[in-house]
Amino acid sequence: MAMRYQTEARNDTGGDGVSRVVGGIEVAVSSPLSADFDPAASNPEQLLALSWATCLNATAQAVVQQGVRTNVRVTAELHDAAPGPGFEFHVDAYLSVEGADSTETERVLAAAHARCPVSKLLAAATTVRVHAEPYAPV
């Protein structure tokens, strides 16, 4: 298979400092577990949620008829790992389709989740779930 795109991200400061895309954006990061937590900075939970919401909704847009709107919201929580050590993400994605009933929304969700590269990356995780919900404009 041919590579379609490649990017590289770097971090040399850990959970507090700066993460950057080589030749692109720099993002101030701050760990929500840090005593010096900066709520104005980003963190891995936010970046994961943003990545999946963007990818899953772009994929849903490829699945639905042109002109039909879709929304995806993603929640990402940090939990103590069970069993430890460390932590784990619990991530839920909610997809809605404008004008669709629950059956059609479930169909779009299943198709988008099966095609989305981030969904594929997360597929084996037991703490990842997807949900269909009624359409609500953002």
N, C-alpha and C. Protein backbone atom coordinates (compact mmCIF):
# COMPACT_ATOMS: atom_id res chain seq x y z
N MET A 1 0.84 -1.19 0.00
CA MET A 1 0.00 0.00 0.00
C MET A 1 0.88 1.25 0.00
N ALA A 2 0.46 2.22 -0.74
CA ALA A 2 1.22 3.46 -0.84
C ALA A 2 0.91 4.38 0.33
N MET A 3 1.96 5.00 0.87
CA MET A 3 1.76 6.00 1.92
C MET A 3 1.10 7.23 1.30
N ARG A 4 0.08 7.75 1.94
CA ARG A 4 -0.63 8.93 1.44
C ARG A 4 -0.17 10.22 2.09
N TYR A 5 0.29 10.11 3.32
CA TYR A 5 0.69 11.31 4.06
C TYR A 5 1.51 10.87 5.25
N GLN A 6 2.46 11.72 5.65
CA GLN A 6 3.23 11.45 6.85
C GLN A 6 3.49 12.76 7.58
N THR A 7 3.47 12.70 8.88
CA THR A 7 3.82 13.84 9.71
C THR A 7 4.64 13.34 10.87
N GLU A 8 5.26 14.25 11.56
CA GLU A 8 6.07 13.88 12.72
C GLU A 8 5.83 14.89 13.83
N ALA A 9 5.56 14.37 15.02
CA ALA A 9 5.38 15.23 16.18
C ALA A 9 6.50 14.95 17.16
N ARG A 10 6.87 15.98 17.91
CA ARG A 10 7.95 15.83 18.88
C ARG A 10 7.58 16.48 20.20
N ASN A 11 8.10 15.89 21.26
CA ASN A 11 7.95 16.44 22.59
C ASN A 11 9.21 16.09 23.36
N ASP A 12 9.86 17.09 23.95
CA ASP A 12 11.04 16.82 24.77
C ASP A 12 10.90 17.39 26.17
N THR A 13 9.64 17.74 26.53
CA THR A 13 9.40 18.32 27.85
C THR A 13 8.45 17.49 28.70
N GLY A 14 7.92 16.40 28.19
CA GLY A 14 6.96 15.59 28.94
C GLY A 14 5.59 16.22 28.93
N GLY A 15 4.86 16.04 30.04
CA GLY A 15 3.47 16.49 30.11
C GLY A 15 3.30 17.98 30.28
N ASP A 16 4.35 18.68 30.62
CA ASP A 16 4.29 20.13 30.79
C ASP A 16 5.36 20.77 29.93
N GLY A 17 4.96 21.64 29.04
CA GLY A 17 5.92 22.29 28.14
C GLY A 17 5.30 22.52 26.79
N VAL A 18 5.96 22.00 25.75
CA VAL A 18 5.50 22.22 24.38
C VAL A 18 5.62 20.91 23.59
N SER A 19 4.58 20.62 22.82
CA SER A 19 4.63 19.56 21.82
C SER A 19 4.55 20.25 20.47
N ARG A 20 5.21 19.69 19.47
CA ARG A 20 5.23 20.36 18.18
C ARG A 20 5.16 19.37 17.04
N VAL A 21 4.59 19.83 15.96
CA VAL A 21 4.63 19.11 14.70
C VAL A 21 5.81 19.70 13.93
N VAL A 22 6.70 18.84 13.48
CA VAL A 22 7.87 19.31 12.75
C VAL A 22 7.40 20.11 11.53
N GLY A 23 7.85 21.36 11.45
CA GLY A 23 7.46 22.24 10.36
C GLY A 23 6.03 22.75 10.46
N GLY A 24 5.40 22.60 11.64
CA GLY A 24 4.00 23.00 11.79
C GLY A 24 3.72 23.64 13.13
N ILE A 25 2.61 23.29 13.70
CA ILE A 25 2.13 23.94 14.92
C ILE A 25 2.94 23.54 16.15
N GLU A 26 2.94 24.45 17.12
CA GLU A 26 3.47 24.18 18.45
C GLU A 26 2.32 24.35 19.43
N VAL A 27 2.19 23.41 20.34
CA VAL A 27 1.07 23.42 21.28
C VAL A 27 1.62 23.39 22.70
N ALA A 28 1.24 24.37 23.49
CA ALA A 28 1.59 24.35 24.91
C ALA A 28 0.81 23.21 25.55
N VAL A 29 1.49 22.39 26.34
CA VAL A 29 0.84 21.26 27.00
C VAL A 29 1.04 21.34 28.50
N SER A 30 0.04 20.86 29.23
CA SER A 30 0.11 20.82 30.67
C SER A 30 -0.69 19.62 31.16
N SER A 31 -0.09 18.81 31.99
CA SER A 31 -0.75 17.62 32.50
C SER A 31 -1.79 18.00 33.54
N PRO A 32 -3.02 17.46 33.40
CA PRO A 32 -4.03 17.73 34.42
C PRO A 32 -3.66 17.14 35.78
N LEU A 33 -2.66 16.29 35.84
CA LEU A 33 -2.21 15.70 37.09
C LEU A 33 -1.09 16.51 37.74
N SER A 34 -0.59 17.51 37.03
CA SER A 34 0.52 18.32 37.51
C SER A 34 0.05 19.34 38.55
N ALA A 35 0.88 19.58 39.54
CA ALA A 35 0.58 20.62 40.53
C ALA A 35 0.53 21.99 39.88
N ASP A 36 1.25 22.15 38.76
CA ASP A 36 1.28 23.41 38.03
C ASP A 36 0.37 23.39 36.81
N PHE A 37 -0.69 22.61 36.85
CA PHE A 37 -1.59 22.45 35.70
C PHE A 37 -2.05 23.81 35.18
N ASP A 38 -1.88 24.01 33.88
CA ASP A 38 -2.30 25.23 33.21
C ASP A 38 -3.53 24.91 32.37
N PRO A 39 -4.72 25.31 32.81
CA PRO A 39 -5.94 24.98 32.05
C PRO A 39 -5.99 25.62 30.67
N ALA A 40 -5.15 26.61 30.40
CA ALA A 40 -5.12 27.24 29.08
C ALA A 40 -4.30 26.42 28.08
N ALA A 41 -3.50 25.49 28.58
CA ALA A 41 -2.69 24.64 27.70
C ALA A 41 -3.49 23.39 27.35
N SER A 42 -3.00 22.64 26.38
CA SER A 42 -3.64 21.38 25.97
C SER A 42 -3.02 20.23 26.72
N ASN A 43 -3.64 19.06 26.59
CA ASN A 43 -3.11 17.86 27.21
C ASN A 43 -3.44 16.67 26.32
N PRO A 44 -2.87 15.51 26.59
CA PRO A 44 -3.12 14.35 25.73
C PRO A 44 -4.60 13.99 25.61
N GLU A 45 -5.36 14.16 26.68
CA GLU A 45 -6.78 13.84 26.64
C GLU A 45 -7.49 14.71 25.61
N GLN A 46 -7.21 16.00 25.62
CA GLN A 46 -7.83 16.92 24.66
C GLN A 46 -7.38 16.61 23.24
N LEU A 47 -6.09 16.34 23.07
CA LEU A 47 -5.57 16.10 21.73
C LEU A 47 -6.12 14.80 21.14
N LEU A 48 -6.29 13.78 21.98
CA LEU A 48 -6.90 12.53 21.52
C LEU A 48 -8.35 12.78 21.12
N ALA A 49 -9.10 13.48 21.96
CA ALA A 49 -10.50 13.78 21.66
C ALA A 49 -10.62 14.58 20.37
N LEU A 50 -9.77 15.57 20.21
CA LEU A 50 -9.79 16.40 19.01
C LEU A 50 -9.46 15.59 17.76
N SER A 51 -8.46 14.75 17.86
CA SER A 51 -8.06 13.91 16.73
C SER A 51 -9.18 12.99 16.30
N TRP A 52 -9.78 12.28 17.27
CA TRP A 52 -10.83 11.33 16.91
C TRP A 52 -12.08 12.03 16.41
N ALA A 53 -12.48 13.13 17.06
CA ALA A 53 -13.68 13.86 16.63
C ALA A 53 -13.52 14.33 15.18
N THR A 54 -12.35 14.85 14.85
CA THR A 54 -12.10 15.35 13.50
C THR A 54 -12.11 14.21 12.49
N CYS A 55 -11.39 13.15 12.79
CA CYS A 55 -11.28 12.03 11.85
C CYS A 55 -12.61 11.31 11.67
N LEU A 56 -13.31 11.03 12.77
CA LEU A 56 -14.57 10.30 12.67
C LEU A 56 -15.62 11.13 11.93
N ASN A 57 -15.66 12.44 12.18
CA ASN A 57 -16.65 13.25 11.48
C ASN A 57 -16.31 13.41 10.01
N ALA A 58 -15.03 13.55 9.69
CA ALA A 58 -14.64 13.61 8.27
C ALA A 58 -15.03 12.32 7.56
N THR A 59 -14.86 11.20 8.23
CA THR A 59 -15.24 9.91 7.64
C THR A 59 -16.76 9.81 7.52
N ALA A 60 -17.49 10.25 8.53
CA ALA A 60 -18.96 10.24 8.46
C ALA A 60 -19.43 11.09 7.29
N GLN A 61 -18.78 12.21 7.05
CA GLN A 61 -19.14 13.07 5.92
C GLN A 61 -18.94 12.35 4.58
N ALA A 62 -17.96 11.45 4.52
CA ALA A 62 -17.75 10.67 3.30
C ALA A 62 -18.81 9.59 3.13
N VAL A 63 -19.48 9.20 4.23
CA VAL A 63 -20.48 8.14 4.21
C VAL A 63 -21.86 8.67 3.85
N VAL A 64 -22.22 9.86 4.33
CA VAL A 64 -23.57 10.39 4.12
C VAL A 64 -23.69 11.06 2.76
N GLN A 65 -24.94 11.36 2.38
CA GLN A 65 -25.19 12.11 1.15
C GLN A 65 -24.58 13.50 1.26
N GLN A 66 -24.10 14.00 0.15
CA GLN A 66 -23.55 15.35 0.14
C GLN A 66 -24.61 16.34 0.62
N GLY A 67 -24.21 17.25 1.48
CA GLY A 67 -25.11 18.27 2.01
C GLY A 67 -25.75 17.90 3.33
N VAL A 68 -25.65 16.63 3.75
CA VAL A 68 -26.19 16.21 5.04
C VAL A 68 -25.12 16.48 6.09
N ARG A 69 -25.52 17.12 7.16
CA ARG A 69 -24.55 17.46 8.20
C ARG A 69 -24.46 16.36 9.25
N THR A 70 -23.26 16.20 9.76
CA THR A 70 -23.00 15.27 10.85
C THR A 70 -22.24 16.01 11.93
N ASN A 71 -22.38 15.53 13.15
CA ASN A 71 -21.61 16.07 14.27
C ASN A 71 -21.01 14.91 15.03
N VAL A 72 -19.81 15.13 15.52
CA VAL A 72 -19.18 14.15 16.41
C VAL A 72 -18.66 14.91 17.62
N ARG A 73 -18.96 14.38 18.78
CA ARG A 73 -18.35 14.88 20.00
C ARG A 73 -17.66 13.70 20.68
N VAL A 74 -16.52 13.97 21.26
CA VAL A 74 -15.73 12.92 21.91
C VAL A 74 -15.41 13.37 23.32
N THR A 75 -15.63 12.49 24.27
CA THR A 75 -15.19 12.74 25.64
C THR A 75 -14.03 11.81 25.94
N ALA A 76 -13.02 12.34 26.59
CA ALA A 76 -11.85 11.54 26.98
C ALA A 76 -11.61 11.76 28.46
N GLU A 77 -11.57 10.67 29.20
CA GLU A 77 -11.34 10.73 30.64
C GLU A 77 -10.06 9.99 30.98
N LEU A 78 -9.38 10.46 31.99
CA LEU A 78 -8.19 9.79 32.50
C LEU A 78 -8.56 9.06 33.78
N HIS A 79 -8.30 7.77 33.82
CA HIS A 79 -8.62 6.93 34.98
C HIS A 79 -7.36 6.22 35.46
N ASP A 80 -7.35 5.83 36.72
CA ASP A 80 -6.32 4.92 37.19
C ASP A 80 -6.49 3.61 36.43
N ALA A 81 -5.39 3.03 35.98
CA ALA A 81 -5.46 1.76 35.25
C ALA A 81 -5.92 0.66 36.19
N ALA A 82 -6.76 -0.22 35.67
CA ALA A 82 -7.25 -1.34 36.47
C ALA A 82 -6.92 -2.63 35.75
N PRO A 83 -6.06 -3.48 36.16
CA PRO A 83 -5.17 -3.23 37.30
C PRO A 83 -4.02 -2.34 36.85
N GLY A 84 -3.39 -1.66 37.81
CA GLY A 84 -2.29 -0.74 37.54
C GLY A 84 -1.13 -1.44 36.88
N PRO A 85 -0.05 -0.81 36.67
CA PRO A 85 0.25 0.56 37.11
C PRO A 85 -0.21 1.59 36.08
N GLY A 86 -0.13 2.83 36.49
CA GLY A 86 -0.36 3.92 35.56
C GLY A 86 -1.82 4.29 35.39
N PHE A 87 -2.10 4.81 34.21
CA PHE A 87 -3.41 5.37 33.89
C PHE A 87 -3.91 4.80 32.58
N GLU A 88 -5.19 5.05 32.29
CA GLU A 88 -5.77 4.66 31.01
C GLU A 88 -6.82 5.68 30.62
N PHE A 89 -7.01 5.80 29.32
CA PHE A 89 -8.05 6.67 28.79
C PHE A 89 -9.36 5.90 28.66
N HIS A 90 -10.45 6.54 29.00
CA HIS A 90 -11.79 6.06 28.69
C HIS A 90 -12.36 7.08 27.72
N VAL A 91 -12.66 6.63 26.50
CA VAL A 91 -13.01 7.55 25.43
C VAL A 91 -14.33 7.13 24.80
N ASP A 92 -15.24 8.08 24.66
CA ASP A 92 -16.54 7.84 24.04
C ASP A 92 -16.74 8.83 22.90
N ALA A 93 -17.16 8.32 21.75
CA ALA A 93 -17.50 9.16 20.61
C ALA A 93 -19.00 9.09 20.39
N TYR A 94 -19.61 10.24 20.13
CA TYR A 94 -21.05 10.35 19.90
C TYR A 94 -21.25 10.98 18.52
N LEU A 95 -21.94 10.28 17.64
CA LEU A 95 -22.17 10.77 16.29
C LEU A 95 -23.65 11.03 16.09
N SER A 96 -23.97 12.14 15.43
CA SER A 96 -25.35 12.46 15.07
C SER A 96 -25.39 12.87 13.60
N VAL A 97 -26.54 12.59 12.98
CA VAL A 97 -26.73 12.87 11.55
C VAL A 97 -28.00 13.69 11.39
N GLU A 98 -27.86 14.84 10.76
CA GLU A 98 -29.00 15.74 10.56
C GLU A 98 -30.10 15.04 9.77
N GLY A 99 -31.33 15.08 10.31
CA GLY A 99 -32.49 14.53 9.61
C GLY A 99 -32.58 13.02 9.61
N ALA A 100 -31.71 12.33 10.31
CA ALA A 100 -31.70 10.86 10.29
C ALA A 100 -32.40 10.29 11.52
N ASP A 101 -33.06 9.15 11.33
CA ASP A 101 -33.62 8.45 12.48
C ASP A 101 -32.51 7.62 13.13
N SER A 102 -32.84 6.95 14.22
CA SER A 102 -31.81 6.23 14.97
C SER A 102 -31.19 5.09 14.16
N THR A 103 -31.98 4.42 13.32
CA THR A 103 -31.46 3.32 12.50
C THR A 103 -30.43 3.84 11.49
N GLU A 104 -30.75 4.94 10.83
CA GLU A 104 -29.83 5.51 9.85
C GLU A 104 -28.58 6.06 10.54
N THR A 105 -28.75 6.69 11.69
CA THR A 105 -27.59 7.20 12.42
C THR A 105 -26.67 6.05 12.84
N GLU A 106 -27.24 4.95 13.30
CA GLU A 106 -26.44 3.77 13.65
C GLU A 106 -25.70 3.24 12.43
N ARG A 107 -26.34 3.23 11.27
CA ARG A 107 -25.70 2.76 10.04
C ARG A 107 -24.50 3.63 9.68
N VAL A 108 -24.70 4.94 9.74
CA VAL A 108 -23.61 5.87 9.43
C VAL A 108 -22.48 5.71 10.44
N LEU A 109 -22.83 5.59 11.72
CA LEU A 109 -21.82 5.40 12.75
C LEU A 109 -21.00 4.14 12.50
N ALA A 110 -21.67 3.03 12.22
CA ALA A 110 -20.95 1.77 11.99
C ALA A 110 -20.01 1.89 10.78
N ALA A 111 -20.50 2.50 9.71
CA ALA A 111 -19.68 2.64 8.50
C ALA A 111 -18.49 3.58 8.74
N ALA A 112 -18.75 4.69 9.40
CA ALA A 112 -17.67 5.66 9.67
C ALA A 112 -16.64 5.07 10.64
N HIS A 113 -17.10 4.41 11.68
CA HIS A 113 -16.20 3.81 12.67
C HIS A 113 -15.34 2.72 12.04
N ALA A 114 -15.90 1.98 11.08
CA ALA A 114 -15.14 0.93 10.40
C ALA A 114 -14.07 1.50 9.46
N ARG A 115 -14.28 2.72 8.96
CA ARG A 115 -13.35 3.32 7.99
C ARG A 115 -12.37 4.31 8.59
N CYS A 116 -12.72 4.93 9.69
CA CYS A 116 -11.91 6.01 10.28
C CYS A 116 -10.56 5.46 10.78
N PRO A 117 -9.45 6.04 10.35
CA PRO A 117 -8.14 5.57 10.80
C PRO A 117 -7.93 5.66 12.31
N VAL A 118 -8.46 6.69 12.96
CA VAL A 118 -8.29 6.79 14.41
C VAL A 118 -9.14 5.71 15.09
N SER A 119 -10.35 5.48 14.60
CA SER A 119 -11.16 4.39 15.14
C SER A 119 -10.43 3.06 15.02
N LYS A 120 -9.82 2.82 13.88
CA LYS A 120 -9.06 1.58 13.68
C LYS A 120 -7.93 1.47 14.69
N LEU A 121 -7.27 2.58 14.96
CA LEU A 121 -6.17 2.60 15.91
C LEU A 121 -6.66 2.26 17.31
N LEU A 122 -7.85 2.72 17.66
CA LEU A 122 -8.40 2.53 18.99
C LEU A 122 -9.23 1.25 19.13
N ALA A 123 -9.44 0.53 18.04
CA ALA A 123 -10.40 -0.57 18.00
C ALA A 123 -10.19 -1.64 19.07
N ALA A 124 -8.97 -1.95 19.42
CA ALA A 124 -8.72 -3.03 20.37
C ALA A 124 -8.87 -2.59 21.83
N ALA A 125 -8.99 -1.31 22.06
CA ALA A 125 -9.08 -0.81 23.44
C ALA A 125 -10.45 -1.13 24.03
N THR A 126 -10.46 -1.67 25.22
CA THR A 126 -11.72 -2.02 25.88
C THR A 126 -12.39 -0.81 26.52
N THR A 127 -11.69 0.32 26.57
CA THR A 127 -12.22 1.53 27.20
C THR A 127 -12.66 2.56 26.17
N VAL A 128 -12.92 2.11 24.95
CA VAL A 128 -13.35 2.99 23.86
C VAL A 128 -14.74 2.54 23.41
N ARG A 129 -15.65 3.51 23.28
CA ARG A 129 -17.01 3.19 22.86
C ARG A 129 -17.52 4.24 21.88
N VAL A 130 -18.45 3.83 21.03
CA VAL A 130 -19.11 4.76 20.11
C VAL A 130 -20.62 4.70 20.35
N HIS A 131 -21.27 5.83 20.12
CA HIS A 131 -22.71 5.96 20.38
C HIS A 131 -23.35 6.81 19.28
N ALA A 132 -24.55 6.42 18.90
CA ALA A 132 -25.36 7.27 18.01
C ALA A 132 -26.27 8.10 18.91
N GLU A 133 -26.50 9.35 18.48
CA GLU A 133 -27.40 10.21 19.25
C GLU A 133 -28.15 11.12 18.30
N PRO A 134 -29.28 11.70 18.74
CA PRO A 134 -30.05 12.61 17.89
C PRO A 134 -29.20 13.81 17.49
N TYR A 135 -29.48 14.33 16.30
CA TYR A 135 -28.72 15.45 15.77
C TYR A 135 -28.96 16.72 16.60
N ALA A 136 -27.87 17.40 16.89
CA ALA A 136 -27.93 18.70 17.56
C ALA A 136 -26.83 19.56 16.97
N PRO A 137 -27.16 20.67 16.33
CA PRO A 137 -26.13 21.54 15.75
C PRO A 137 -25.16 22.02 16.83
N VAL A 138 -23.93 22.19 16.43
CA VAL A 138 -22.90 22.65 17.37
C VAL A 138 -22.94 24.16 17.45
